[in-house]
Each structure stands twice: as structure tokens, then as C-alpha cells.
Amino acid sequence: MTCEACTKAATNPGSGLYHANCEECQHRMFMQSLPLHLANLKGIPASEDRRAYIRVIEQKHKTRAADALKAAYLEWWDSRKAKA
């Protein structure tokens, strides 16, 4: 944990406290919105457009967030292929 908000979030994940200058807080905020980003990504038909979306996430939210989004998308994609 890197700040007071992170310390409070360790014991109370729903605290809603975030510090704008804390990378861990920024990542926790992104992870809250991951289902929305994943839904957007699922709705993009072209591979290049999906890659562009992930690049924007990486620019705005850092590599760690983009990696989390890619992992969630790949998990969804693999589960689709397994059902087929």
C-alpha cells in the first residue's frame, strides 16, 4: 500500500477513498470500471480497433490497467471458443 487511502482500502475495500497522485489508488479505481471497459471491448468488432482501445487505456491508466483489461478479454474470448 502506498498512501493513507490504500491503507484504509486494505481493511475496507468499499471506503471510496482515492488519492489522485497514488498509482495504487488509480489502479483500484480502474479495476472498479473494468467490467465497463470489458463490455465496450466486447462490442468492438474489428481487432485493430480493440487494440487501439487497449492502447488508449494504457496511455491513460498505465500498463498494469491495460494488462488487466487484456487478461479479462482473453479469458472471455477463450471461454467463448470453449463453448463452440
N, C-alpha and C. Protein backbone atom coordinates (compact mmCIF):
# COMPACT_ATOMS: atom_id res chain seq x y z
N MET A 1 0.84 -1.17 0.00
CA MET A 1 0.00 0.00 0.00
C MET A 1 0.89 1.24 0.00
N THR A 2 0.41 2.28 -0.64
CA THR A 2 1.29 3.43 -0.85
C THR A 2 0.80 4.73 -0.24
N CYS A 3 -0.43 4.78 0.27
CA CYS A 3 -0.92 6.03 0.87
C CYS A 3 -1.98 5.71 1.92
N GLU A 4 -2.47 6.73 2.58
CA GLU A 4 -3.49 6.56 3.62
C GLU A 4 -4.77 5.93 3.06
N ALA A 5 -5.17 6.33 1.87
CA ALA A 5 -6.37 5.76 1.25
C ALA A 5 -6.18 4.28 0.96
N CYS A 6 -4.99 3.89 0.53
CA CYS A 6 -4.70 2.47 0.28
C CYS A 6 -4.74 1.67 1.58
N THR A 7 -4.22 2.26 2.64
CA THR A 7 -4.24 1.59 3.94
C THR A 7 -5.67 1.35 4.39
N LYS A 8 -6.53 2.36 4.23
CA LYS A 8 -7.94 2.20 4.61
C LYS A 8 -8.64 1.20 3.71
N ALA A 9 -8.29 1.19 2.43
CA ALA A 9 -8.91 0.27 1.48
C ALA A 9 -8.53 -1.18 1.78
N ALA A 10 -7.39 -1.40 2.41
CA ALA A 10 -6.96 -2.75 2.75
C ALA A 10 -7.94 -3.39 3.74
N THR A 11 -8.46 -2.59 4.66
CA THR A 11 -9.40 -3.13 5.65
C THR A 11 -10.85 -2.88 5.26
N ASN A 12 -11.09 -1.89 4.39
CA ASN A 12 -12.44 -1.56 3.96
C ASN A 12 -12.42 -1.25 2.46
N PRO A 13 -12.49 -2.27 1.61
CA PRO A 13 -12.39 -2.06 0.16
C PRO A 13 -13.45 -1.11 -0.40
N GLY A 14 -14.56 -0.98 0.26
CA GLY A 14 -15.61 -0.08 -0.21
C GLY A 14 -15.53 1.31 0.36
N SER A 15 -14.36 1.70 0.86
CA SER A 15 -14.23 3.01 1.51
C SER A 15 -14.47 4.16 0.54
N GLY A 16 -14.14 3.95 -0.73
CA GLY A 16 -14.33 5.02 -1.71
C GLY A 16 -13.26 6.10 -1.66
N LEU A 17 -12.23 5.87 -0.86
CA LEU A 17 -11.15 6.86 -0.76
C LEU A 17 -10.08 6.58 -1.79
N TYR A 18 -9.70 7.62 -2.51
CA TYR A 18 -8.64 7.53 -3.52
C TYR A 18 -7.84 8.82 -3.50
N HIS A 19 -6.55 8.72 -3.76
CA HIS A 19 -5.70 9.90 -3.93
C HIS A 19 -5.26 9.94 -5.39
N ALA A 20 -5.42 11.08 -6.00
CA ALA A 20 -5.13 11.23 -7.43
C ALA A 20 -3.66 10.97 -7.77
N ASN A 21 -2.76 11.23 -6.84
CA ASN A 21 -1.33 11.06 -7.13
C ASN A 21 -0.79 9.69 -6.75
N CYS A 22 -1.65 8.79 -6.31
CA CYS A 22 -1.22 7.46 -5.89
C CYS A 22 -1.52 6.46 -7.01
N GLU A 23 -0.48 5.78 -7.51
CA GLU A 23 -0.68 4.83 -8.60
C GLU A 23 -1.55 3.65 -8.17
N GLU A 24 -1.41 3.21 -6.93
CA GLU A 24 -2.24 2.10 -6.44
C GLU A 24 -3.71 2.52 -6.39
N CYS A 25 -3.98 3.74 -5.96
CA CYS A 25 -5.36 4.25 -5.94
C CYS A 25 -5.91 4.33 -7.37
N GLN A 26 -5.10 4.82 -8.28
CA GLN A 26 -5.54 4.91 -9.67
C GLN A 26 -5.88 3.53 -10.22
N HIS A 27 -5.07 2.54 -9.87
CA HIS A 27 -5.33 1.18 -10.35
C HIS A 27 -6.61 0.62 -9.71
N ARG A 28 -6.81 0.87 -8.42
CA ARG A 28 -8.04 0.41 -7.77
C ARG A 28 -9.26 1.04 -8.43
N MET A 29 -9.17 2.32 -8.79
CA MET A 29 -10.28 2.98 -9.48
C MET A 29 -10.52 2.34 -10.84
N PHE A 30 -9.45 2.06 -11.58
CA PHE A 30 -9.62 1.43 -12.89
C PHE A 30 -10.29 0.06 -12.75
N MET A 31 -9.86 -0.71 -11.77
CA MET A 31 -10.41 -2.05 -11.58
C MET A 31 -11.91 -2.00 -11.27
N GLN A 32 -12.36 -0.92 -10.65
CA GLN A 32 -13.79 -0.75 -10.41
C GLN A 32 -14.55 -0.61 -11.73
N SER A 33 -13.91 0.00 -12.72
CA SER A 33 -14.56 0.22 -14.01
C SER A 33 -14.22 -0.85 -15.04
N LEU A 34 -13.45 -1.86 -14.65
CA LEU A 34 -13.04 -2.91 -15.59
C LEU A 34 -14.23 -3.57 -16.30
N PRO A 35 -15.32 -3.92 -15.59
CA PRO A 35 -16.45 -4.53 -16.31
C PRO A 35 -17.02 -3.64 -17.42
N LEU A 36 -17.02 -2.34 -17.20
CA LEU A 36 -17.50 -1.43 -18.25
C LEU A 36 -16.56 -1.40 -19.44
N HIS A 37 -15.27 -1.36 -19.18
CA HIS A 37 -14.29 -1.38 -20.27
C HIS A 37 -14.36 -2.71 -21.02
N LEU A 38 -14.54 -3.79 -20.29
CA LEU A 38 -14.64 -5.10 -20.93
C LEU A 38 -15.88 -5.17 -21.82
N ALA A 39 -16.99 -4.64 -21.35
CA ALA A 39 -18.22 -4.62 -22.17
C ALA A 39 -18.00 -3.80 -23.44
N ASN A 40 -17.31 -2.66 -23.32
CA ASN A 40 -17.00 -1.86 -24.51
C ASN A 40 -16.13 -2.64 -25.48
N LEU A 41 -15.12 -3.30 -24.95
CA LEU A 41 -14.20 -4.05 -25.79
C LEU A 41 -14.90 -5.20 -26.51
N LYS A 42 -15.81 -5.87 -25.83
CA LYS A 42 -16.57 -6.97 -26.45
C LYS A 42 -17.42 -6.46 -27.62
N GLY A 43 -17.83 -5.21 -27.55
CA GLY A 43 -18.69 -4.66 -28.60
C GLY A 43 -17.96 -4.09 -29.79
N ILE A 44 -16.64 -4.11 -29.77
CA ILE A 44 -15.84 -3.59 -30.88
C ILE A 44 -15.53 -4.74 -31.83
N PRO A 45 -16.06 -4.70 -33.07
CA PRO A 45 -15.92 -5.86 -33.97
C PRO A 45 -14.52 -6.04 -34.58
N ALA A 46 -13.80 -4.98 -34.81
CA ALA A 46 -12.52 -5.08 -35.52
C ALA A 46 -11.34 -5.21 -34.55
N SER A 47 -10.46 -6.14 -34.83
CA SER A 47 -9.29 -6.39 -33.98
C SER A 47 -8.43 -5.14 -33.80
N GLU A 48 -8.18 -4.42 -34.90
CA GLU A 48 -7.35 -3.22 -34.81
C GLU A 48 -7.99 -2.17 -33.92
N ASP A 49 -9.30 -2.05 -33.96
CA ASP A 49 -9.99 -1.09 -33.11
C ASP A 49 -9.91 -1.50 -31.64
N ARG A 50 -9.96 -2.81 -31.37
CA ARG A 50 -9.80 -3.29 -29.99
C ARG A 50 -8.39 -2.98 -29.49
N ARG A 51 -7.40 -3.21 -30.35
CA ARG A 51 -6.02 -2.90 -29.96
C ARG A 51 -5.86 -1.40 -29.68
N ALA A 52 -6.49 -0.57 -30.49
CA ALA A 52 -6.42 0.89 -30.28
C ALA A 52 -7.06 1.26 -28.95
N TYR A 53 -8.18 0.64 -28.61
CA TYR A 53 -8.86 0.90 -27.34
C TYR A 53 -7.93 0.55 -26.17
N ILE A 54 -7.26 -0.60 -26.27
CA ILE A 54 -6.35 -1.01 -25.21
C ILE A 54 -5.15 -0.06 -25.13
N ARG A 55 -4.67 0.44 -26.27
CA ARG A 55 -3.56 1.41 -26.26
C ARG A 55 -3.97 2.68 -25.53
N VAL A 56 -5.20 3.13 -25.76
CA VAL A 56 -5.68 4.33 -25.07
C VAL A 56 -5.75 4.09 -23.56
N ILE A 57 -6.22 2.92 -23.17
CA ILE A 57 -6.26 2.57 -21.75
C ILE A 57 -4.86 2.59 -21.17
N GLU A 58 -3.90 2.06 -21.92
CA GLU A 58 -2.52 2.04 -21.45
C GLU A 58 -1.97 3.46 -21.29
N GLN A 59 -2.29 4.33 -22.22
CA GLN A 59 -1.82 5.71 -22.13
C GLN A 59 -2.44 6.45 -20.95
N LYS A 60 -3.72 6.22 -20.73
CA LYS A 60 -4.43 6.95 -19.67
C LYS A 60 -4.27 6.33 -18.30
N HIS A 61 -4.19 4.99 -18.23
CA HIS A 61 -4.24 4.31 -16.94
C HIS A 61 -3.02 3.43 -16.66
N LYS A 62 -2.02 3.47 -17.48
CA LYS A 62 -0.78 2.72 -17.29
C LYS A 62 -0.88 1.28 -17.80
N THR A 63 0.26 0.65 -17.92
CA THR A 63 0.37 -0.71 -18.47
C THR A 63 -0.37 -1.73 -17.62
N ARG A 64 -0.33 -1.56 -16.32
CA ARG A 64 -0.98 -2.52 -15.42
C ARG A 64 -2.48 -2.62 -15.70
N ALA A 65 -3.12 -1.50 -15.96
CA ALA A 65 -4.55 -1.49 -16.28
C ALA A 65 -4.81 -2.13 -17.63
N ALA A 66 -3.98 -1.81 -18.62
CA ALA A 66 -4.14 -2.41 -19.95
C ALA A 66 -3.95 -3.92 -19.88
N ASP A 67 -2.99 -4.37 -19.08
CA ASP A 67 -2.77 -5.81 -18.92
C ASP A 67 -3.98 -6.49 -18.27
N ALA A 68 -4.57 -5.83 -17.29
CA ALA A 68 -5.76 -6.39 -16.63
C ALA A 68 -6.92 -6.49 -17.62
N LEU A 69 -7.09 -5.48 -18.46
CA LEU A 69 -8.15 -5.48 -19.45
C LEU A 69 -7.90 -6.58 -20.49
N LYS A 70 -6.66 -6.70 -20.97
CA LYS A 70 -6.33 -7.75 -21.94
C LYS A 70 -6.59 -9.13 -21.35
N ALA A 71 -6.20 -9.34 -20.10
CA ALA A 71 -6.40 -10.64 -19.46
C ALA A 71 -7.88 -10.96 -19.34
N ALA A 72 -8.68 -9.98 -18.94
CA ALA A 72 -10.13 -10.21 -18.82
C ALA A 72 -10.74 -10.51 -20.18
N TYR A 73 -10.31 -9.80 -21.21
CA TYR A 73 -10.84 -10.03 -22.55
C TYR A 73 -10.45 -11.42 -23.06
N LEU A 74 -9.19 -11.79 -22.86
CA LEU A 74 -8.73 -13.09 -23.33
C LEU A 74 -9.45 -14.23 -22.60
N GLU A 75 -9.70 -14.04 -21.31
CA GLU A 75 -10.45 -15.05 -20.55
C GLU A 75 -11.85 -15.21 -21.14
N TRP A 76 -12.50 -14.09 -21.44
CA TRP A 76 -13.83 -14.13 -22.05
C TRP A 76 -13.76 -14.79 -23.43
N TRP A 77 -12.78 -14.41 -24.22
CA TRP A 77 -12.64 -14.94 -25.58
C TRP A 77 -12.41 -16.45 -25.56
N ASP A 78 -11.53 -16.89 -24.66
CA ASP A 78 -11.26 -18.33 -24.56
C ASP A 78 -12.49 -19.10 -24.10
N SER A 79 -13.28 -18.51 -23.21
CA SER A 79 -14.49 -19.20 -22.75
C SER A 79 -15.50 -19.31 -23.88
N ARG A 80 -15.52 -18.33 -24.77
CA ARG A 80 -16.41 -18.39 -25.95
C ARG A 80 -15.99 -19.50 -26.88
N LYS A 81 -14.68 -19.61 -27.11
CA LYS A 81 -14.18 -20.64 -28.01
C LYS A 81 -14.42 -22.03 -27.43
N ALA A 82 -14.31 -22.16 -26.11
CA ALA A 82 -14.51 -23.46 -25.46
C ALA A 82 -15.95 -23.93 -25.60
N LYS A 83 -16.90 -22.99 -25.63
CA LYS A 83 -18.31 -23.33 -25.76
C LYS A 83 -18.68 -23.73 -27.18
N ALA A 84 -17.88 -23.27 -28.15
CA ALA A 84 -18.20 -23.55 -29.57
C ALA A 84 -17.84 -24.94 -29.99
